Amino acid sequence: MELDLIFKIAGVGIIVAVLSMLLKKADRDDYAMVMTIAGLIIVLAMIVNEIAALFETVKTVFGF
């Protein structure tokens, strides 16, 4: 896992957290929830390749 990926995930998390707080203060709780879910989907899309590589490594190690 590269350090660059960790910084990208942290950046997305910080941006989503700040925007979510701003939306909650503006009484837009529904938009804040949608933004949080969108942030989660973005992060999952970023790490799907790393998870696939992990499963391939496990298959190689155990000979499946």
C-alpha atoms as a PDB file:
ATOM      1  CA  MET A   1       0.000   0.000   0.000  1.00  0.00           C
ATOM      2  CA  GLU A   2       1.375   3.321  -0.998  1.00  0.00           C
ATOM      3  CA  LEU A   3       1.546   6.329   1.264  1.00  0.00           C
ATOM      4  CA  ASP A   4      -0.055   8.416  -1.483  1.00  0.00           C
ATOM      5  CA  LEU A   5      -3.267   6.379  -1.229  1.00  0.00           C
ATOM      6  CA  ILE A   6      -3.459   6.975   2.526  1.00  0.00           C
ATOM      7  CA  PHE A   7      -3.124  10.731   2.007  1.00  0.00           C
ATOM      8  CA  LYS A   8      -5.849  10.682  -0.653  1.00  0.00           C
ATOM      9  CA  ILE A   9      -8.219   8.818   1.663  1.00  0.00           C
ATOM     10  CA  ALA A  10      -7.454  11.213   4.508  1.00  0.00           C
ATOM     11  CA  GLY A  11      -8.034  14.194   2.209  1.00  0.00           C
ATOM     12  CA  VAL A  12     -11.406  12.889   1.101  1.00  0.00           C
ATOM     13  CA  GLY A  13     -12.325  12.228   4.723  1.00  0.00           C
ATOM     14  CA  ILE A  14     -11.408  15.735   5.840  1.00  0.00           C
ATOM     15  CA  ILE A  15     -13.281  17.378   2.966  1.00  0.00           C
ATOM     16  CA  VAL A  16     -16.389  15.260   3.552  1.00  0.00           C
ATOM     17  CA  ALA A  17     -16.312  15.918   7.300  1.00  0.00           C
ATOM     18  CA  VAL A  18     -16.032  19.694   6.875  1.00  0.00           C
ATOM     19  CA  LEU A  19     -18.735  19.886   4.224  1.00  0.00           C
ATOM     20  CA  SER A  20     -20.997  17.627   6.260  1.00  0.00           C
ATOM     21  CA  MET A  21     -20.634  19.871   9.316  1.00  0.00           C
ATOM     22  CA  LEU A  22     -21.380  22.949   7.216  1.00  0.00           C
ATOM     23  CA  LEU A  23     -24.493  21.345   5.789  1.00  0.00           C
ATOM     24  CA  LYS A  24     -25.701  20.254   9.224  1.00  0.00           C
ATOM     25  CA  LYS A  25     -25.275  23.796  10.558  1.00  0.00           C
ATOM     26  CA  ALA A  26     -27.356  25.020   7.602  1.00  0.00           C
ATOM     27  CA  ASP A  27     -30.120  22.551   8.565  1.00  0.00           C
ATOM     28  CA  ARG A  28     -29.517  20.413   5.495  1.00  0.00           C
ATOM     29  CA  ASP A  29     -29.166  17.078   7.286  1.00  0.00           C
ATOM     30  CA  ASP A  30     -30.404  15.093   4.290  1.00  0.00           C
ATOM     31  CA  TYR A  31     -27.726  16.561   2.022  1.00  0.00           C
ATOM     32  CA  ALA A  32     -25.091  15.950   4.700  1.00  0.00           C
ATOM     33  CA  MET A  33     -26.034  12.265   4.828  1.00  0.00           C
ATOM     34  CA  VAL A  34     -25.906  11.973   1.039  1.00  0.00           C
ATOM     35  CA  MET A  35     -22.501  13.637   1.002  1.00  0.00           C
ATOM     36  CA  THR A  36     -21.207  11.251   3.661  1.00  0.00           C
ATOM     37  CA  ILE A  37     -22.413   8.237   1.700  1.00  0.00           C
ATOM     38  CA  ALA A  38     -20.883   9.647  -1.492  1.00  0.00           C
ATOM     39  CA  GLY A  39     -17.559  10.099   0.318  1.00  0.00           C
ATOM     40  CA  LEU A  40     -17.692   6.495   1.486  1.00  0.00           C
ATOM     41  CA  ILE A  41     -18.354   5.289  -2.054  1.00  0.00           C
ATOM     42  CA  ILE A  42     -15.459   7.375  -3.396  1.00  0.00           C
ATOM     43  CA  VAL A  43     -13.057   5.907  -0.833  1.00  0.00           C
ATOM     44  CA  LEU A  44     -14.258   2.365  -1.511  1.00  0.00           C
ATOM     45  CA  ALA A  45     -13.704   2.920  -5.235  1.00  0.00           C
ATOM     46  CA  MET A  46     -10.174   4.101  -4.474  1.00  0.00           C
ATOM     47  CA  ILE A  47      -9.256   1.000  -2.470  1.00  0.00           C
ATOM     48  CA  VAL A  48     -10.993  -1.675  -4.550  1.00  0.00           C
ATOM     49  CA  ASN A  49      -7.763  -2.351  -6.484  1.00  0.00           C
ATOM     50  CA  GLU A  50      -5.811  -2.776  -3.251  1.00  0.00           C
ATOM     51  CA  ILE A  51      -8.380  -5.268  -1.959  1.00  0.00           C
ATOM     52  CA  ALA A  52      -8.190  -7.221  -5.224  1.00  0.00           C
ATOM     53  CA  ALA A  53      -4.389  -7.347  -4.944  1.00  0.00           C
ATOM     54  CA  LEU A  54      -4.712  -8.578  -1.351  1.00  0.00           C
ATOM     55  CA  PHE A  55      -6.984 -11.443  -2.415  1.00  0.00           C
ATOM     56  CA  GLU A  56      -4.618 -12.396  -5.234  1.00  0.00           C
ATOM     57  CA  THR A  57      -1.706 -12.453  -2.777  1.00  0.00           C
ATOM     58  CA  VAL A  58      -3.675 -14.645  -0.365  1.00  0.00           C
ATOM     59  CA  LYS A  59      -4.584 -17.008  -3.216  1.00  0.00           C
ATOM     60  CA  THR A  60      -0.933 -17.216  -4.254  1.00  0.00           C
ATOM     61  CA  VAL A  61       0.334 -17.815  -0.725  1.00  0.00           C
ATOM     62  CA  PHE A  62      -2.140 -20.591   0.040  1.00  0.00           C
ATOM     63  CA  GLY A  63      -2.110 -22.066  -3.468  1.00  0.00           C
ATOM     64  CA  PHE A  64      -5.801 -21.729  -4.290  1.00  0.00           C
END
